[in-house]
Amino acid sequence: MSVRAIRGAIQVPANTAADIAAGVQELVSAILEANQLVPSDVISVFFTSTVDLNAAFPAAACREMGFANVPLIGSVEVDVPGALNRTIRAMFHVESTKAADQISHMYLHGAAALRRDIAQ
């Protein structure tokens, strides 16, 4: 097994706890499915969110998905003029037999603008 990092991001419709939770759950599910992973393959997840998202912790939604024993942490991004708003990013560290070039990174909804070359 190797340790791999998987990047992802999603833009959510509004700064509500429900939208943040739904966005995190969609992003996490897409990353797991695309990379054929289960929560026990995940070593840790680092979430960031833009400063305009403060209604809920992204990690809380991940915890509700069964990540009970996975270290999760969150942070707020630097507020750069012109940056994409209402965006949650995630960096997963996983155990995988896949080569680095076989890993699928996920950029969903408006966050696809961040990486048009690999957006789903």
N, C-alpha and C. Protein backbone atom coordinates (compact mmCIF):
# COMPACT_ATOMS: atom_id res chain seq x y z
N MET A 1 0.83 -1.19 0.00
CA MET A 1 0.00 0.00 0.00
C MET A 1 0.88 1.25 0.00
N SER A 2 0.39 2.24 -0.68
CA SER A 2 1.03 3.55 -0.70
C SER A 2 0.09 4.56 -0.08
N VAL A 3 0.64 5.67 0.38
CA VAL A 3 -0.17 6.79 0.84
C VAL A 3 -0.33 7.74 -0.34
N ARG A 4 -1.56 8.11 -0.63
CA ARG A 4 -1.87 9.02 -1.72
C ARG A 4 -2.67 10.19 -1.18
N ALA A 5 -2.51 11.34 -1.82
CA ALA A 5 -3.30 12.52 -1.49
C ALA A 5 -4.31 12.72 -2.60
N ILE A 6 -5.53 12.99 -2.20
CA ILE A 6 -6.60 13.23 -3.16
C ILE A 6 -7.19 14.60 -2.86
N ARG A 7 -7.24 15.44 -3.89
CA ARG A 7 -7.78 16.79 -3.75
C ARG A 7 -9.21 16.84 -4.24
N GLY A 8 -9.97 17.75 -3.66
CA GLY A 8 -11.32 17.96 -4.13
C GLY A 8 -11.85 19.29 -3.65
N ALA A 9 -12.87 19.77 -4.34
CA ALA A 9 -13.52 21.02 -3.94
C ALA A 9 -14.94 21.02 -4.47
N ILE A 10 -15.80 21.75 -3.77
CA ILE A 10 -17.19 21.90 -4.18
C ILE A 10 -17.65 23.29 -3.80
N GLN A 11 -18.44 23.90 -4.65
CA GLN A 11 -19.07 25.17 -4.32
C GLN A 11 -20.49 24.87 -3.89
N VAL A 12 -20.91 25.46 -2.77
CA VAL A 12 -22.24 25.21 -2.25
C VAL A 12 -23.14 26.42 -2.51
N PRO A 13 -24.47 26.21 -2.57
CA PRO A 13 -25.37 27.30 -2.93
C PRO A 13 -25.45 28.45 -1.92
N ALA A 14 -25.38 28.12 -0.62
CA ALA A 14 -25.56 29.15 0.40
C ALA A 14 -24.84 28.79 1.69
N ASN A 15 -24.68 29.76 2.55
CA ASN A 15 -24.04 29.57 3.84
C ASN A 15 -25.07 29.09 4.86
N THR A 16 -25.51 27.86 4.67
CA THR A 16 -26.41 27.23 5.64
C THR A 16 -25.79 25.91 6.07
N ALA A 17 -26.13 25.49 7.27
CA ALA A 17 -25.61 24.21 7.74
C ALA A 17 -26.03 23.08 6.80
N ALA A 18 -27.25 23.14 6.29
CA ALA A 18 -27.75 22.09 5.39
C ALA A 18 -26.97 22.07 4.08
N ASP A 19 -26.70 23.23 3.49
CA ASP A 19 -25.95 23.27 2.23
C ASP A 19 -24.50 22.85 2.42
N ILE A 20 -23.90 23.24 3.53
CA ILE A 20 -22.52 22.83 3.80
C ILE A 20 -22.45 21.32 3.97
N ALA A 21 -23.37 20.76 4.76
CA ALA A 21 -23.39 19.30 4.98
C ALA A 21 -23.63 18.56 3.67
N ALA A 22 -24.59 19.01 2.89
CA ALA A 22 -24.89 18.34 1.62
C ALA A 22 -23.70 18.41 0.67
N GLY A 23 -23.03 19.56 0.62
CA GLY A 23 -21.87 19.70 -0.24
C GLY A 23 -20.73 18.80 0.17
N VAL A 24 -20.44 18.75 1.47
CA VAL A 24 -19.37 17.88 1.96
C VAL A 24 -19.70 16.43 1.67
N GLN A 25 -20.92 16.03 1.93
CA GLN A 25 -21.31 14.64 1.70
C GLN A 25 -21.23 14.28 0.22
N GLU A 26 -21.61 15.20 -0.66
CA GLU A 26 -21.50 14.93 -2.10
C GLU A 26 -20.03 14.81 -2.52
N LEU A 27 -19.19 15.72 -2.03
CA LEU A 27 -17.77 15.69 -2.38
C LEU A 27 -17.09 14.43 -1.85
N VAL A 28 -17.33 14.11 -0.59
CA VAL A 28 -16.72 12.92 0.01
C VAL A 28 -17.18 11.66 -0.72
N SER A 29 -18.46 11.55 -1.00
CA SER A 29 -18.98 10.38 -1.72
C SER A 29 -18.36 10.26 -3.10
N ALA A 30 -18.22 11.37 -3.81
CA ALA A 30 -17.63 11.34 -5.15
C ALA A 30 -16.17 10.90 -5.10
N ILE A 31 -15.42 11.39 -4.13
CA ILE A 31 -14.01 11.01 -4.00
C ILE A 31 -13.89 9.52 -3.68
N LEU A 32 -14.69 9.05 -2.74
CA LEU A 32 -14.63 7.62 -2.38
C LEU A 32 -15.01 6.74 -3.56
N GLU A 33 -16.10 7.08 -4.22
CA GLU A 33 -16.58 6.27 -5.34
C GLU A 33 -15.58 6.26 -6.50
N ALA A 34 -15.08 7.42 -6.88
CA ALA A 34 -14.18 7.51 -8.02
C ALA A 34 -12.87 6.77 -7.79
N ASN A 35 -12.48 6.65 -6.52
CA ASN A 35 -11.21 6.01 -6.20
C ASN A 35 -11.38 4.64 -5.56
N GLN A 36 -12.62 4.14 -5.55
CA GLN A 36 -12.94 2.82 -5.01
C GLN A 36 -12.39 2.66 -3.58
N LEU A 37 -12.76 3.63 -2.74
CA LEU A 37 -12.30 3.65 -1.35
C LEU A 37 -13.47 3.49 -0.40
N VAL A 38 -13.16 3.08 0.81
CA VAL A 38 -14.12 3.04 1.91
C VAL A 38 -13.51 3.87 3.05
N PRO A 39 -14.33 4.30 4.01
CA PRO A 39 -13.78 5.14 5.08
C PRO A 39 -12.55 4.57 5.78
N SER A 40 -12.45 3.26 5.90
CA SER A 40 -11.28 2.69 6.58
C SER A 40 -9.98 2.85 5.78
N ASP A 41 -10.07 3.21 4.50
CA ASP A 41 -8.87 3.49 3.69
C ASP A 41 -8.33 4.89 3.94
N VAL A 42 -9.13 5.74 4.57
CA VAL A 42 -8.78 7.14 4.75
C VAL A 42 -7.94 7.32 6.01
N ILE A 43 -6.78 7.93 5.84
CA ILE A 43 -5.87 8.19 6.96
C ILE A 43 -6.26 9.47 7.67
N SER A 44 -6.53 10.53 6.91
CA SER A 44 -6.96 11.81 7.47
C SER A 44 -7.55 12.67 6.37
N VAL A 45 -8.31 13.69 6.79
CA VAL A 45 -8.89 14.63 5.83
C VAL A 45 -8.71 16.04 6.40
N PHE A 46 -8.23 16.93 5.54
CA PHE A 46 -8.06 18.33 5.89
C PHE A 46 -9.04 19.13 5.04
N PHE A 47 -9.97 19.82 5.68
CA PHE A 47 -10.96 20.65 5.00
C PHE A 47 -10.58 22.12 5.14
N THR A 48 -10.82 22.89 4.08
CA THR A 48 -10.79 24.35 4.20
C THR A 48 -12.10 24.85 3.61
N SER A 49 -12.49 26.02 4.07
CA SER A 49 -13.67 26.67 3.51
C SER A 49 -13.38 28.15 3.36
N THR A 50 -14.06 28.76 2.41
CA THR A 50 -13.90 30.19 2.22
C THR A 50 -14.54 30.91 3.40
N VAL A 51 -14.12 32.16 3.62
CA VAL A 51 -14.55 32.91 4.81
C VAL A 51 -16.06 33.14 4.86
N ASP A 52 -16.74 33.03 3.74
CA ASP A 52 -18.18 33.26 3.71
C ASP A 52 -18.99 32.03 4.12
N LEU A 53 -18.32 30.94 4.46
CA LEU A 53 -19.00 29.73 4.94
C LEU A 53 -18.67 29.52 6.42
N ASN A 54 -19.60 29.90 7.28
CA ASN A 54 -19.36 29.75 8.71
C ASN A 54 -20.57 29.20 9.47
N ALA A 55 -21.53 28.64 8.74
CA ALA A 55 -22.74 28.11 9.38
C ALA A 55 -22.54 26.73 10.00
N ALA A 56 -21.48 26.01 9.58
CA ALA A 56 -21.22 24.67 10.11
C ALA A 56 -19.79 24.26 9.78
N PHE A 57 -19.28 23.33 10.56
CA PHE A 57 -17.96 22.78 10.30
C PHE A 57 -18.07 21.71 9.21
N PRO A 58 -17.30 21.79 8.12
CA PRO A 58 -17.34 20.73 7.11
C PRO A 58 -17.02 19.35 7.68
N ALA A 59 -16.11 19.28 8.62
CA ALA A 59 -15.73 17.99 9.18
C ALA A 59 -16.90 17.30 9.89
N ALA A 60 -17.83 18.08 10.42
CA ALA A 60 -18.98 17.48 11.11
C ALA A 60 -19.81 16.63 10.15
N ALA A 61 -19.98 17.09 8.92
CA ALA A 61 -20.75 16.32 7.94
C ALA A 61 -20.01 15.04 7.55
N CYS A 62 -18.70 15.11 7.48
CA CYS A 62 -17.90 13.93 7.18
C CYS A 62 -18.01 12.91 8.32
N ARG A 63 -17.98 13.40 9.54
CA ARG A 63 -18.10 12.53 10.71
C ARG A 63 -19.43 11.76 10.65
N GLU A 64 -20.49 12.43 10.22
CA GLU A 64 -21.81 11.80 10.14
C GLU A 64 -21.86 10.70 9.07
N MET A 65 -20.88 10.68 8.18
CA MET A 65 -20.84 9.67 7.11
C MET A 65 -20.12 8.40 7.54
N GLY A 66 -19.71 8.32 8.79
CA GLY A 66 -19.06 7.11 9.28
C GLY A 66 -17.56 7.23 9.45
N PHE A 67 -17.03 8.42 9.43
CA PHE A 67 -15.59 8.63 9.61
C PHE A 67 -15.27 8.82 11.09
N ALA A 68 -15.72 7.89 11.91
CA ALA A 68 -15.60 8.01 13.36
C ALA A 68 -14.16 7.98 13.85
N ASN A 69 -13.30 7.22 13.21
CA ASN A 69 -11.93 7.06 13.68
C ASN A 69 -10.89 7.73 12.79
N VAL A 70 -11.34 8.59 11.89
CA VAL A 70 -10.44 9.28 10.96
C VAL A 70 -10.17 10.68 11.49
N PRO A 71 -8.90 11.07 11.64
CA PRO A 71 -8.61 12.45 12.04
C PRO A 71 -9.10 13.43 10.98
N LEU A 72 -9.90 14.40 11.41
CA LEU A 72 -10.44 15.42 10.52
C LEU A 72 -10.09 16.79 11.10
N ILE A 73 -9.78 17.73 10.23
CA ILE A 73 -9.48 19.08 10.69
C ILE A 73 -9.99 20.06 9.65
N GLY A 74 -10.31 21.25 10.10
CA GLY A 74 -10.78 22.28 9.20
C GLY A 74 -10.07 23.59 9.43
N SER A 75 -10.09 24.41 8.41
CA SER A 75 -9.45 25.71 8.46
C SER A 75 -10.20 26.67 7.53
N VAL A 76 -9.96 27.95 7.73
CA VAL A 76 -10.55 28.97 6.86
C VAL A 76 -9.47 29.44 5.90
N GLU A 77 -9.85 29.60 4.65
CA GLU A 77 -8.89 30.04 3.63
C GLU A 77 -8.61 31.53 3.74
N VAL A 78 -7.52 31.95 3.15
CA VAL A 78 -7.18 33.36 3.05
C VAL A 78 -8.20 34.03 2.14
N ASP A 79 -8.68 35.18 2.54
CA ASP A 79 -9.70 35.91 1.77
C ASP A 79 -9.02 36.74 0.68
N VAL A 80 -8.82 36.14 -0.47
CA VAL A 80 -8.14 36.79 -1.58
C VAL A 80 -9.17 37.43 -2.50
N PRO A 81 -8.99 38.69 -2.87
CA PRO A 81 -9.94 39.33 -3.79
C PRO A 81 -10.10 38.53 -5.08
N GLY A 82 -11.35 38.36 -5.49
CA GLY A 82 -11.63 37.66 -6.73
C GLY A 82 -11.65 36.15 -6.62
N ALA A 83 -11.41 35.61 -5.43
CA ALA A 83 -11.41 34.15 -5.26
C ALA A 83 -12.84 33.61 -5.34
N LEU A 84 -12.96 32.35 -5.67
CA LEU A 84 -14.26 31.69 -5.73
C LEU A 84 -14.87 31.69 -4.34
N ASN A 85 -16.15 32.04 -4.22
CA ASN A 85 -16.79 32.07 -2.92
C ASN A 85 -17.57 30.78 -2.65
N ARG A 86 -18.02 30.64 -1.41
CA ARG A 86 -18.82 29.48 -0.96
C ARG A 86 -18.20 28.15 -1.38
N THR A 87 -16.91 28.02 -1.16
CA THR A 87 -16.19 26.83 -1.62
C THR A 87 -15.57 26.07 -0.45
N ILE A 88 -15.75 24.77 -0.49
CA ILE A 88 -15.13 23.86 0.47
C ILE A 88 -14.12 23.03 -0.29
N ARG A 89 -12.91 22.95 0.24
CA ARG A 89 -11.87 22.11 -0.35
C ARG A 89 -11.53 21.00 0.63
N ALA A 90 -11.05 19.91 0.09
CA ALA A 90 -10.65 18.78 0.93
C ALA A 90 -9.36 18.17 0.40
N MET A 91 -8.52 17.76 1.31
CA MET A 91 -7.31 17.00 0.99
C MET A 91 -7.39 15.71 1.79
N PHE A 92 -7.61 14.61 1.07
CA PHE A 92 -7.68 13.29 1.68
C PHE A 92 -6.30 12.65 1.62
N HIS A 93 -5.91 12.01 2.69
CA HIS A 93 -4.72 11.15 2.70
C HIS A 93 -5.25 9.73 2.86
N VAL A 94 -4.92 8.88 1.89
CA VAL A 94 -5.51 7.54 1.86
C VAL A 94 -4.45 6.48 1.63
N GLU A 95 -4.79 5.26 2.05
CA GLU A 95 -4.01 4.09 1.69
C GLU A 95 -4.59 3.55 0.40
N SER A 96 -3.74 3.33 -0.60
CA SER A 96 -4.24 2.88 -1.90
C SER A 96 -3.17 2.09 -2.62
N THR A 97 -3.62 1.17 -3.44
CA THR A 97 -2.69 0.43 -4.30
C THR A 97 -2.54 1.13 -5.65
N LYS A 98 -3.30 2.19 -5.87
CA LYS A 98 -3.24 2.92 -7.15
C LYS A 98 -1.97 3.74 -7.26
N ALA A 99 -1.48 3.87 -8.47
CA ALA A 99 -0.37 4.78 -8.75
C ALA A 99 -0.91 6.21 -8.69
N ALA A 100 -0.03 7.16 -8.49
CA ALA A 100 -0.44 8.56 -8.36
C ALA A 100 -1.25 9.04 -9.56
N ASP A 101 -0.89 8.60 -10.75
CA ASP A 101 -1.61 9.05 -11.94
C ASP A 101 -2.95 8.34 -12.14
N GLN A 102 -3.30 7.41 -11.26
CA GLN A 102 -4.58 6.72 -11.33
C GLN A 102 -5.59 7.30 -10.33
N ILE A 103 -5.16 8.24 -9.52
CA ILE A 103 -6.03 8.86 -8.53
C ILE A 103 -6.95 9.86 -9.21
N SER A 104 -8.22 9.86 -8.82
CA SER A 104 -9.21 10.79 -9.38
C SER A 104 -9.50 11.90 -8.37
N HIS A 105 -9.15 13.11 -8.74
CA HIS A 105 -9.43 14.29 -7.93
C HIS A 105 -10.79 14.82 -8.37
N MET A 106 -11.55 15.43 -7.46
CA MET A 106 -12.92 15.86 -7.74
C MET A 106 -13.09 17.36 -7.55
N TYR A 107 -13.58 18.01 -8.58
CA TYR A 107 -13.93 19.43 -8.52
C TYR A 107 -15.35 19.55 -9.04
N LEU A 108 -16.29 19.83 -8.12
CA LEU A 108 -17.71 19.75 -8.42
C LEU A 108 -18.40 21.11 -8.41
N HIS A 109 -19.43 21.22 -9.21
CA HIS A 109 -20.24 22.43 -9.33
C HIS A 109 -19.35 23.60 -9.71
N GLY A 110 -19.53 24.74 -9.09
CA GLY A 110 -18.75 25.93 -9.45
C GLY A 110 -17.27 25.77 -9.21
N ALA A 111 -16.89 24.86 -8.33
CA ALA A 111 -15.46 24.64 -8.04
C ALA A 111 -14.73 24.02 -9.22
N ALA A 112 -15.47 23.56 -10.23
CA ALA A 112 -14.83 23.04 -11.43
C ALA A 112 -13.95 24.10 -12.08
N ALA A 113 -14.27 25.37 -11.86
CA ALA A 113 -13.47 26.46 -12.42
C ALA A 113 -12.04 26.46 -11.87
N LEU A 114 -11.84 25.84 -10.71
CA LEU A 114 -10.51 25.79 -10.12
C LEU A 114 -9.58 24.85 -10.87
N ARG A 115 -10.12 23.79 -11.44
CA ARG A 115 -9.33 22.79 -12.16
C ARG A 115 -10.14 22.23 -13.31
N ARG A 116 -10.34 23.01 -14.34
CA ARG A 116 -11.12 22.57 -15.50
C ARG A 116 -10.50 21.33 -16.15
N ASP A 117 -9.21 21.15 -15.99
CA ASP A 117 -8.53 20.01 -16.62
C ASP A 117 -8.91 18.68 -15.99
N ILE A 118 -9.38 18.70 -14.74
CA ILE A 118 -9.72 17.42 -14.08
C ILE A 118 -11.09 17.45 -13.45
N ALA A 119 -11.90 18.48 -13.69
CA ALA A 119 -13.22 18.59 -13.07
C ALA A 119 -14.13 17.45 -13.56
N GLN A 120 -15.02 17.02 -12.69
CA GLN A 120 -15.97 15.96 -13.00
C GLN A 120 -17.31 16.55 -13.32
